[in-house]
């Protein structure tokens, strides 16, 4: 009897051990998938976080406004870059040409009065700017023709033609790239208006579709669409107005240079005419 009870107990104990082992293995099996699931969740969360950061970057600031404004914002942006490049280049170039023109005039006239043509030419070659370049061209023409014993009656005419021809090239060089500013100042606002019209068409189309479906707030949708549509007009004016102002400023500076060139050339011709008259009188006396 006791031996039978002992055998039953041993069998039950063995079954319990095996059951516990199975339970332990099962619990380990249940834990491992959970751990894998947590790891996968962390990876997915990191990917979502990175994508949200990128999305926030493009949705915020100037880049977000460019994207919201639509296609026409990008041509206006290209025009803005071109206009800025021209403004910087023209400002630096014209700033380098800013010299003491009055002192140069007086020095050249004094050299011509004292019959020092070569000194006046060297002085003009040392200076920079359109006035010095035109005077140098005229003086060089006068010096060459004088040494060739050119007809004094036609020498003055040849010097004037030389300075006028060279002045045309000088003005063209001063006005280089200015047409870009003129184009940007007129085209950028028009592209902005065109983008606004296109955006308004899309906004009203969305309102009509929303009204047909009978869902959503029509007023809110209209306000949002109009707000986005007006971005192109705003951006076009922001680009066009500074370009227009820069174009007019540079044009006024160039006109000032042209006026100085004309006045200096007229004074030079008066001095040349006087010198020719004096030389002719000396020859007549001899």
C-alpha atoms as a PDB file:
ATOM      1  CA  UNK A   1       0.000   0.000   0.000  1.00  0.00           C
ATOM      2  CA  UNK A   2       2.713   2.421   1.004  1.00  0.00           C
ATOM      3  CA  UNK A   3       4.839   1.402  -1.968  1.00  0.00           C
ATOM      4  CA  UNK A   4       1.928   2.139  -4.338  1.00  0.00           C
ATOM      5  CA  UNK A   5       1.412   5.578  -2.774  1.00  0.00           C
ATOM      6  CA  UNK A   6       5.142   6.339  -3.123  1.00  0.00           C
ATOM      7  CA  UNK A   7       5.073   5.446  -6.828  1.00  0.00           C
ATOM      8  CA  UNK A   8       2.043   7.697  -7.421  1.00  0.00           C
ATOM      9  CA  UNK A   9       3.796  10.578  -5.591  1.00  0.00           C
ATOM     10  CA  UNK A  10       6.953  10.181  -7.617  1.00  0.00           C
ATOM     11  CA  UNK A  11       4.982  10.202 -10.880  1.00  0.00           C
ATOM     12  CA  UNK A  12       3.077  13.322  -9.806  1.00  0.00           C
ATOM     13  CA  UNK A  13       6.303  15.078  -8.807  1.00  0.00           C
ATOM     14  CA  UNK A  14       7.897  14.257 -12.130  1.00  0.00           C
ATOM     15  CA  UNK A  15       4.867  15.594 -13.987  1.00  0.00           C
ATOM     16  CA  UNK A  16       4.967  18.776 -11.909  1.00  0.00           C
ATOM     17  CA  UNK A  17       8.606  19.339 -12.746  1.00  0.00           C
ATOM     18  CA  UNK A  18       7.942  18.862 -16.415  1.00  0.00           C
ATOM     19  CA  UNK A  19       4.926  21.166 -16.218  1.00  0.00           C
ATOM     20  CA  UNK A  20       6.968  23.851 -14.508  1.00  0.00           C
ATOM     21  CA  UNK A  21       9.708  23.500 -17.079  1.00  0.00           C
ATOM     22  CA  UNK A  22       7.195  23.853 -19.867  1.00  0.00           C
ATOM     23  CA  UNK A  23       5.676  26.887 -18.174  1.00  0.00           C
ATOM     24  CA  UNK A  24       9.074  28.422 -17.756  1.00  0.00           C
ATOM     25  CA  UNK A  25       9.923  27.884 -21.403  1.00  0.00           C
ATOM     26  CA  UNK A  26       6.575  29.274 -22.416  1.00  0.00           C
ATOM     27  CA  UNK A  27       7.065  32.327 -20.285  1.00  0.00           C
ATOM     28  CA  UNK A  28      10.473  32.855 -21.887  1.00  0.00           C
ATOM     29  CA  UNK A  29       8.899  32.447 -25.277  1.00  0.00           C
ATOM     30  CA  UNK A  30       6.283  35.044 -24.399  1.00  0.00           C
ATOM     31  CA  UNK A  31       8.896  37.506 -23.123  1.00  0.00           C
ATOM     32  CA  UNK A  32      11.112  37.336 -26.235  1.00  0.00           C
ATOM     33  CA  UNK A  33       8.411  38.358 -28.705  1.00  0.00           C
ATOM     34  CA  UNK A  34       7.543  41.254 -26.420  1.00  0.00           C
ATOM     35  CA  UNK A  35      11.138  42.371 -26.388  1.00  0.00           C
ATOM     36  CA  UNK A  36      11.321  42.172 -30.179  1.00  0.00           C
ATOM     37  CA  UNK A  37       8.120  44.160 -30.447  1.00  0.00           C
ATOM     38  CA  UNK A  38       9.511  46.890 -28.183  1.00  0.00           C
ATOM     39  CA  UNK A  39      12.703  47.101 -30.266  1.00  0.00           C
ATOM     40  CA  UNK A  40      10.704  47.400 -33.474  1.00  0.00           C
ATOM     41  CA  UNK A  41       8.599  50.124 -31.903  1.00  0.00           C
ATOM     42  CA  UNK A  42      11.689  52.110 -30.975  1.00  0.00           C
ATOM     43  CA  UNK A  43      13.047  51.909 -34.565  1.00  0.00           C
ATOM     44  CA  UNK A  44       9.700  52.943 -36.010  1.00  0.00           C
ATOM     45  CA  UNK A  45       9.456  55.819 -33.554  1.00  0.00           C
ATOM     46  CA  UNK A  46      12.914  57.104 -34.520  1.00  0.00           C
ATOM     47  CA  UNK A  47      11.998  57.016 -38.220  1.00  0.00           C
ATOM     48  CA  UNK A  48       8.773  58.893 -37.571  1.00  0.00           C
ATOM     49  CA  UNK A  49      10.645  61.461 -35.467  1.00  0.00           C
ATOM     50  CA  UNK A  50      13.207  62.090 -38.237  1.00  0.00           C
ATOM     51  CA  UNK A  51      10.501  62.455 -40.883  1.00  0.00           C
ATOM     52  CA  UNK A  52       8.567  64.858 -38.668  1.00  0.00           C
ATOM     53  CA  UNK A  53      11.690  67.014 -38.163  1.00  0.00           C
ATOM     54  CA  UNK A  54      12.215  67.212 -41.933  1.00  0.00           C
ATOM     55  CA  UNK A  55       8.559  68.036 -42.464  1.00  0.00           C
ATOM     56  CA  UNK A  56       8.693  70.777 -39.822  1.00  0.00           C
ATOM     57  CA  UNK A  57      11.789  72.248 -41.503  1.00  0.00           C
ATOM     58  CA  UNK A  58      10.073  72.514 -44.876  1.00  0.00           C
ATOM     59  CA  UNK A  59       6.790  73.716 -43.408  1.00  0.00           C
ATOM     60  CA  UNK A  60       8.307  76.533 -41.365  1.00  0.00           C
ATOM     61  CA  UNK A  61       9.988  79.785 -42.287  1.00  0.00           C
ATOM     62  CA  UNK A  62      10.794  81.012 -45.782  1.00  0.00           C
ATOM     63  CA  UNK A  63      10.949  77.525 -47.300  1.00  0.00           C
ATOM     64  CA  UNK A  64       7.437  76.815 -46.066  1.00  0.00           C
ATOM     65  CA  UNK A  65       6.192  80.065 -47.608  1.00  0.00           C
ATOM     66  CA  UNK A  66       7.847  79.205 -50.934  1.00  0.00           C
ATOM     67  CA  UNK A  67       6.210  75.791 -50.978  1.00  0.00           C
ATOM     68  CA  UNK A  68       2.815  77.162 -49.943  1.00  0.00           C
ATOM     69  CA  UNK A  69       2.974  79.890 -52.591  1.00  0.00           C
ATOM     70  CA  UNK A  70       3.101  77.405 -55.424  1.00  0.00           C
ATOM     71  CA  UNK A  71       4.974  77.195 -58.716  1.00  0.00           C
ATOM     72  CA  UNK A  72       5.310  80.928 -59.407  1.00  0.00           C
ATOM     73  CA  UNK A  73       7.321  81.497 -56.222  1.00  0.00           C
ATOM     74  CA  UNK A  74      10.365  79.751 -57.694  1.00  0.00           C
ATOM     75  CA  UNK A  75      10.802  81.950 -60.825  1.00  0.00           C
ATOM     76  CA  UNK A  76      10.448  84.992 -58.580  1.00  0.00           C
ATOM     77  CA  UNK A  77      13.127  83.546 -56.282  1.00  0.00           C
ATOM     78  CA  UNK A  78      15.493  83.104 -59.244  1.00  0.00           C
ATOM     79  CA  UNK A  79      14.857  86.723 -60.254  1.00  0.00           C
ATOM     80  CA  UNK A  80      15.597  87.837 -56.702  1.00  0.00           C
ATOM     81  CA  UNK A  81      18.982  86.083 -56.790  1.00  0.00           C
ATOM     82  CA  UNK A  82      19.842  87.610 -60.180  1.00  0.00           C
ATOM     83  CA  UNK A  83      18.816  91.092 -59.049  1.00  0.00           C
ATOM     84  CA  UNK A  84      20.873  90.806 -55.873  1.00  0.00           C
ATOM     85  CA  UNK A  85      23.935  89.703 -57.847  1.00  0.00           C
ATOM     86  CA  UNK A  86      23.577  92.631 -60.272  1.00  0.00           C
ATOM     87  CA  UNK A  87      23.106  95.129 -57.431  1.00  0.00           C
ATOM     88  CA  UNK A  88      26.267  93.960 -55.670  1.00  0.00           C
ATOM     89  CA  UNK A  89      28.320  93.903 -58.888  1.00  0.00           C
ATOM     90  CA  UNK A  90      27.182  97.352 -60.108  1.00  0.00           C
ATOM     91  CA  UNK A  91      27.597  98.955 -56.689  1.00  0.00           C
ATOM     92  CA  UNK A  92      31.180  97.709 -56.360  1.00  0.00           C
ATOM     93  CA  UNK A  93      32.056  98.694 -59.933  1.00  0.00           C
ATOM     94  CA  UNK A  94      30.594 102.203 -59.750  1.00  0.00           C
ATOM     95  CA  UNK A  95      32.084 102.757 -56.297  1.00  0.00           C
ATOM     96  CA  UNK A  96      35.552 102.120 -57.699  1.00  0.00           C
ATOM     97  CA  UNK A  97      34.987 104.815 -60.342  1.00  0.00           C
ATOM     98  CA  UNK A  98      34.231 107.519 -57.783  1.00  0.00           C
ATOM     99  CA  UNK A  99      37.223 109.900 -58.049  1.00  0.00           C
ATOM    100  CA  UNK A 100      37.955 113.608 -57.620  1.00  0.00           C
ATOM    101  CA  UNK A 101      36.908 114.727 -61.098  1.00  0.00           C
ATOM    102  CA  UNK A 102      37.246 118.465 -60.446  1.00  0.00           C
ATOM    103  CA  UNK A 103      40.893 118.182 -59.405  1.00  0.00           C
ATOM    104  CA  UNK A 104      41.636 116.109 -62.500  1.00  0.00           C
ATOM    105  CA  UNK A 105      40.026 118.713 -64.745  1.00  0.00           C
ATOM    106  CA  UNK A 106      42.007 121.567 -63.265  1.00  0.00           C
ATOM    107  CA  UNK A 107      45.288 119.675 -63.493  1.00  0.00           C
ATOM    108  CA  UNK A 108      44.697 118.666 -67.131  1.00  0.00           C
ATOM    109  CA  UNK A 109      43.693 122.193 -68.155  1.00  0.00           C
ATOM    110  CA  UNK A 110      46.786 123.602 -66.458  1.00  0.00           C
ATOM    111  CA  UNK A 111      49.019 121.139 -68.334  1.00  0.00           C
ATOM    112  CA  UNK A 112      47.344 122.009 -71.640  1.00  0.00           C
ATOM    113  CA  UNK A 113      47.696 125.720 -70.999  1.00  0.00           C
ATOM    114  CA  UNK A 114      51.421 125.262 -70.434  1.00  0.00           C
ATOM    115  CA  UNK A 115      51.684 123.035 -73.535  1.00  0.00           C
ATOM    116  CA  UNK A 116      52.432 119.916 -71.478  1.00  0.00           C
ATOM    117  CA  UNK A 117      50.306 117.452 -73.457  1.00  0.00           C
ATOM    118  CA  UNK A 118      52.273 114.385 -72.451  1.00  0.00           C
ATOM    119  CA  UNK A 119      52.033 115.279 -68.761  1.00  0.00           C
ATOM    120  CA  UNK A 120      48.269 115.693 -69.070  1.00  0.00           C
ATOM    121  CA  UNK A 121      48.023 112.334 -70.844  1.00  0.00           C
ATOM    122  CA  UNK A 122      50.092 110.589 -68.169  1.00  0.00           C
ATOM    123  CA  UNK A 123      47.946 112.169 -65.450  1.00  0.00           C
ATOM    124  CA  UNK A 124      44.753 110.861 -67.086  1.00  0.00           C
ATOM    125  CA  UNK A 125      46.240 107.391 -67.516  1.00  0.00           C
ATOM    126  CA  UNK A 126      47.025 107.242 -63.800  1.00  0.00           C
ATOM    127  CA  UNK A 127      43.461 108.080 -62.767  1.00  0.00           C
ATOM    128  CA  UNK A 128      40.465 105.774 -62.968  1.00  0.00           C
ATOM    129  CA  UNK A 129      36.928 106.462 -64.020  1.00  0.00           C
ATOM    130  CA  UNK A 130      35.061 107.350 -67.220  1.00  0.00           C
ATOM    131  CA  UNK A 131      36.145 111.010 -67.253  1.00  0.00           C
ATOM    132  CA  UNK A 132      39.843 110.152 -67.114  1.00  0.00           C
ATOM    133  CA  UNK A 133      39.394 107.457 -69.776  1.00  0.00           C
ATOM    134  CA  UNK A 134      37.641 109.782 -72.250  1.00  0.00           C
ATOM    135  CA  UNK A 135      40.122 112.624 -71.675  1.00  0.00           C
ATOM    136  CA  UNK A 136      42.996 110.201 -72.119  1.00  0.00           C
ATOM    137  CA  UNK A 137      41.565 109.023 -75.414  1.00  0.00           C
ATOM    138  CA  UNK A 138      41.140 112.585 -76.680  1.00  0.00           C
ATOM    139  CA  UNK A 139      44.592 113.693 -75.574  1.00  0.00           C
ATOM    140  CA  UNK A 140      46.226 110.643 -77.161  1.00  0.00           C
ATOM    141  CA  UNK A 141      44.438 111.329 -80.444  1.00  0.00           C
ATOM    142  CA  UNK A 142      45.512 114.977 -80.320  1.00  0.00           C
ATOM    143  CA  UNK A 143      49.120 114.085 -79.538  1.00  0.00           C
ATOM    144  CA  UNK A 144      49.401 111.540 -82.352  1.00  0.00           C
ATOM    145  CA  UNK A 145      47.833 113.799 -84.967  1.00  0.00           C
ATOM    146  CA  UNK A 146      49.980 116.734 -83.873  1.00  0.00           C
ATOM    147  CA  UNK A 147      53.159 114.727 -84.320  1.00  0.00           C
ATOM    148  CA  UNK A 148      51.961 113.671 -87.785  1.00  0.00           C
ATOM    149  CA  UNK A 149      51.477 117.361 -88.711  1.00  0.00           C
ATOM    150  CA  UNK A 150      47.789 116.762 -89.282  1.00  0.00           C
ATOM    151  CA  UNK A 151      45.727 119.604 -90.698  1.00  0.00           C
ATOM    152  CA  UNK A 152      44.905 121.867 -87.701  1.00  0.00           C
ATOM    153  CA  UNK A 153      41.542 122.760 -89.224  1.00  0.00           C
ATOM    154  CA  UNK A 154      40.445 119.115 -89.041  1.00  0.00           C
ATOM    155  CA  UNK A 155      42.391 118.045 -85.964  1.00  0.00           C
ATOM    156  CA  UNK A 156      39.781 119.374 -83.570  1.00  0.00           C
ATOM    157  CA  UNK A 157      37.045 117.478 -85.413  1.00  0.00           C
ATOM    158  CA  UNK A 158      38.985 114.216 -85.214  1.00  0.00           C
ATOM    159  CA  UNK A 159      39.571 114.619 -81.480  1.00  0.00           C
ATOM    160  CA  UNK A 160      35.858 115.253 -80.873  1.00  0.00           C
ATOM    161  CA  UNK A 161      34.856 112.176 -82.899  1.00  0.00           C
ATOM    162  CA  UNK A 162      37.372 110.036 -81.025  1.00  0.00           C
ATOM    163  CA  UNK A 163      36.057 111.109 -77.616  1.00  0.00           C
ATOM    164  CA  UNK A 164      32.415 110.687 -78.661  1.00  0.00           C
ATOM    165  CA  UNK A 165      33.053 107.190 -80.016  1.00  0.00           C
ATOM    166  CA  UNK A 166      34.943 106.165 -76.904  1.00  0.00           C
ATOM    167  CA  UNK A 167      32.272 107.747 -74.684  1.00  0.00           C
ATOM    168  CA  UNK A 168      29.623 105.484 -76.211  1.00  0.00           C
ATOM    169  CA  UNK A 169      31.625 102.414 -75.181  1.00  0.00           C
ATOM    170  CA  UNK A 170      32.157 103.863 -71.704  1.00  0.00           C
ATOM    171  CA  UNK A 171      28.422 104.414 -71.192  1.00  0.00           C
ATOM    172  CA  UNK A 172      27.657 100.895 -72.436  1.00  0.00           C
ATOM    173  CA  UNK A 173      30.144  99.487 -69.915  1.00  0.00           C
ATOM    174  CA  UNK A 174      28.599 101.550 -67.113  1.00  0.00           C
ATOM    175  CA  UNK A 175      25.093 100.332 -67.970  1.00  0.00           C
ATOM    176  CA  UNK A 176      26.113  96.678 -68.111  1.00  0.00           C
ATOM    177  CA  UNK A 177      23.577  94.312 -66.475  1.00  0.00           C
ATOM    178  CA  UNK A 178      21.168  97.166 -65.701  1.00  0.00           C
ATOM    179  CA  UNK A 179      18.532  95.733 -68.102  1.00  0.00           C
ATOM    180  CA  UNK A 180      18.346  92.738 -65.749  1.00  0.00           C
ATOM    181  CA  UNK A 181      17.142  95.026 -62.952  1.00  0.00           C
ATOM    182  CA  UNK A 182      14.621  96.640 -65.304  1.00  0.00           C
ATOM    183  CA  UNK A 183      13.227  93.241 -66.298  1.00  0.00           C
ATOM    184  CA  UNK A 184      13.060  91.975 -62.710  1.00  0.00           C
ATOM    185  CA  UNK A 185      11.356  95.157 -61.473  1.00  0.00           C
ATOM    186  CA  UNK A 186       8.535  94.713 -64.001  1.00  0.00           C
ATOM    187  CA  UNK A 187       8.242  90.940 -64.423  1.00  0.00           C
ATOM    188  CA  UNK A 188       8.477  89.848 -60.761  1.00  0.00           C
ATOM    189  CA  UNK A 189       5.282  91.700 -59.642  1.00  0.00           C
ATOM    190  CA  UNK A 190       3.434  90.429 -62.725  1.00  0.00           C
ATOM    191  CA  UNK A 191       4.426  86.856 -61.930  1.00  0.00           C
ATOM    192  CA  UNK A 192       3.208  87.475 -58.392  1.00  0.00           C
ATOM    193  CA  UNK A 193      -0.175  88.665 -59.657  1.00  0.00           C
ATOM    194  CA  UNK A 194      -0.387  85.676 -62.002  1.00  0.00           C
ATOM    195  CA  UNK A 195       0.329  83.314 -59.117  1.00  0.00           C
ATOM    196  CA  UNK A 196      -2.370  85.003 -57.057  1.00  0.00           C
ATOM    197  CA  UNK A 197      -4.936  84.636 -59.850  1.00  0.00           C
ATOM    198  CA  UNK A 198      -4.073  80.972 -60.226  1.00  0.00           C
ATOM    199  CA  UNK A 199      -4.315  80.448 -56.473  1.00  0.00           C
ATOM    200  CA  UNK A 200      -7.691  82.204 -56.327  1.00  0.00           C
ATOM    201  CA  UNK A 201      -9.011  79.952 -59.089  1.00  0.00           C
ATOM    202  CA  UNK A 202      -7.924  76.881 -57.135  1.00  0.00           C
ATOM    203  CA  UNK A 203      -9.383  78.269 -53.895  1.00  0.00           C
ATOM    204  CA  UNK A 204     -12.793  78.983 -55.420  1.00  0.00           C
ATOM    205  CA  UNK A 205     -12.805  75.582 -57.098  1.00  0.00           C
ATOM    206  CA  UNK A 206     -12.215  73.949 -53.727  1.00  0.00           C
ATOM    207  CA  UNK A 207     -15.040  76.017 -52.214  1.00  0.00           C
ATOM    208  CA  UNK A 208     -17.445  74.855 -54.922  1.00  0.00           C
ATOM    209  CA  UNK A 209     -16.450  71.231 -54.395  1.00  0.00           C
ATOM    210  CA  UNK A 210     -16.832  71.587 -50.638  1.00  0.00           C
ATOM    211  CA  UNK A 211     -20.266  73.151 -51.076  1.00  0.00           C
ATOM    212  CA  UNK A 212     -21.352  70.264 -53.284  1.00  0.00           C
ATOM    213  CA  UNK A 213     -20.169  67.705 -50.765  1.00  0.00           C
ATOM    214  CA  UNK A 214     -21.788  69.634 -47.917  1.00  0.00           C
ATOM    215  CA  UNK A 215     -18.890  69.188 -45.518  1.00  0.00           C
ATOM    216  CA  UNK A 216     -16.357  71.524 -43.902  1.00  0.00           C
ATOM    217  CA  UNK A 217     -16.280  75.219 -43.139  1.00  0.00           C
ATOM    218  CA  UNK A 218     -16.490  77.110 -46.437  1.00  0.00           C
ATOM    219  CA  UNK A 219     -15.423  80.471 -44.980  1.00  0.00           C
ATOM    220  CA  UNK A 220     -12.359  78.984 -43.327  1.00  0.00           C
ATOM    221  CA  UNK A 221     -11.403  77.163 -46.515  1.00  0.00           C
ATOM    222  CA  UNK A 222     -11.829  80.354 -48.568  1.00  0.00           C
ATOM    223  CA  UNK A 223      -9.700  82.386 -46.144  1.00  0.00           C
ATOM    224  CA  UNK A 224      -6.939  79.772 -46.160  1.00  0.00           C
ATOM    225  CA  UNK A 225      -6.908  79.584 -49.962  1.00  0.00           C
ATOM    226  CA  UNK A 226      -6.819  83.359 -50.396  1.00  0.00           C
ATOM    227  CA  UNK A 227      -4.026  83.670 -47.838  1.00  0.00           C
ATOM    228  CA  UNK A 228      -1.861  81.217 -49.760  1.00  0.00           C
ATOM    229  CA  UNK A 229      -2.727  82.849 -53.092  1.00  0.00           C
ATOM    230  CA  UNK A 230      -1.626  86.298 -51.922  1.00  0.00           C
ATOM    231  CA  UNK A 231       1.854  85.021 -51.015  1.00  0.00           C
ATOM    232  CA  UNK A 232       3.017  85.255 -54.634  1.00  0.00           C
ATOM    233  CA  UNK A 233       1.882  88.876 -54.948  1.00  0.00           C
ATOM    234  CA  UNK A 234       3.678  89.794 -51.736  1.00  0.00           C
ATOM    235  CA  UNK A 235       6.861  88.022 -52.779  1.00  0.00           C
ATOM    236  CA  UNK A 236       6.766  89.552 -56.266  1.00  0.00           C
ATOM    237  CA  UNK A 237       6.482  93.061 -54.825  1.00  0.00           C
ATOM    238  CA  UNK A 238       9.245  92.372 -52.290  1.00  0.00           C
ATOM    239  CA  UNK A 239      11.562  91.461 -55.184  1.00  0.00           C
ATOM    240  CA  UNK A 240      10.335  94.017 -57.722  1.00  0.00           C
ATOM    241  CA  UNK A 241      10.389  97.176 -55.587  1.00  0.00           C
ATOM    242  CA  UNK A 242      14.087  96.970 -54.527  1.00  0.00           C
ATOM    243  CA  UNK A 243      15.061  96.089 -58.102  1.00  0.00           C
ATOM    244  CA  UNK A 244      13.184  99.157 -59.372  1.00  0.00           C
ATOM    245  CA  UNK A 245      14.834 101.404 -56.779  1.00  0.00           C
ATOM    246  CA  UNK A 246      18.299 100.020 -57.554  1.00  0.00           C
ATOM    247  CA  UNK A 247      17.766 100.495 -61.295  1.00  0.00           C
ATOM    248  CA  UNK A 248      16.829 104.157 -60.845  1.00  0.00           C
ATOM    249  CA  UNK A 249      19.690 104.772 -58.421  1.00  0.00           C
ATOM    250  CA  UNK A 250      22.325 103.289 -60.728  1.00  0.00           C
ATOM    251  CA  UNK A 251      20.824 105.140 -63.698  1.00  0.00           C
ATOM    252  CA  UNK A 252      21.148 108.451 -61.856  1.00  0.00           C
ATOM    253  CA  UNK A 253      24.763 107.681 -60.928  1.00  0.00           C
ATOM    254  CA  UNK A 254      25.580 106.794 -64.540  1.00  0.00           C
ATOM    255  CA  UNK A 255      23.865 109.945 -65.802  1.00  0.00           C
ATOM    256  CA  UNK A 256      26.090 111.915 -63.434  1.00  0.00           C
ATOM    257  CA  UNK A 257      29.165 110.249 -64.923  1.00  0.00           C
ATOM    258  CA  UNK A 258      27.948 111.018 -68.453  1.00  0.00           C
ATOM    259  CA  UNK A 259      27.389 114.675 -67.570  1.00  0.00           C
ATOM    260  CA  UNK A 260      30.891 114.904 -66.099  1.00  0.00           C
ATOM    261  CA  UNK A 261      32.335 113.335 -69.249  1.00  0.00           C
ATOM    262  CA  UNK A 262      30.537 115.800 -71.502  1.00  0.00           C
ATOM    263  CA  UNK A 263      31.631 118.809 -69.457  1.00  0.00           C
ATOM    264  CA  UNK A 264      35.221 117.599 -69.264  1.00  0.00           C
ATOM    265  CA  UNK A 265      35.317 116.876 -72.996  1.00  0.00           C
ATOM    266  CA  UNK A 266      33.975 120.366 -73.753  1.00  0.00           C
ATOM    267  CA  UNK A 267      36.634 121.960 -71.531  1.00  0.00           C
ATOM    268  CA  UNK A 268      39.310 119.826 -73.171  1.00  0.00           C
ATOM    269  CA  UNK A 269      38.223 120.919 -76.634  1.00  0.00           C
ATOM    270  CA  UNK A 270      38.305 124.556 -75.587  1.00  0.00           C
ATOM    271  CA  UNK A 271      41.858 124.090 -74.328  1.00  0.00           C
ATOM    272  CA  UNK A 272      42.846 122.223 -77.506  1.00  0.00           C
ATOM    273  CA  UNK A 273      41.337 124.914 -79.697  1.00  0.00           C
ATOM    274  CA  UNK A 274      43.192 127.592 -77.750  1.00  0.00           C
ATOM    275  CA  UNK A 275      46.444 125.674 -78.030  1.00  0.00           C
ATOM    276  CA  UNK A 276      46.003 125.184 -81.767  1.00  0.00           C
ATOM    277  CA  UNK A 277      45.308 128.868 -82.206  1.00  0.00           C
ATOM    278  CA  UNK A 278      48.432 129.798 -80.254  1.00  0.00           C
ATOM    279  CA  UNK A 279      50.553 127.352 -82.220  1.00  0.00           C
ATOM    280  CA  UNK A 280      49.157 128.667 -85.486  1.00  0.00           C
ATOM    281  CA  UNK A 281      49.955 132.230 -84.401  1.00  0.00           C
ATOM    282  CA  UNK A 282      53.511 131.275 -83.531  1.00  0.00           C
ATOM    283  CA  UNK A 283      54.010 129.688 -86.940  1.00  0.00           C
ATOM    284  CA  UNK A 284      52.606 132.759 -88.655  1.00  0.00           C
ATOM    285  CA  UNK A 285      55.009 135.039 -86.798  1.00  0.00           C
ATOM    286  CA  UNK A 286      57.967 132.894 -87.718  1.00  0.00           C
END
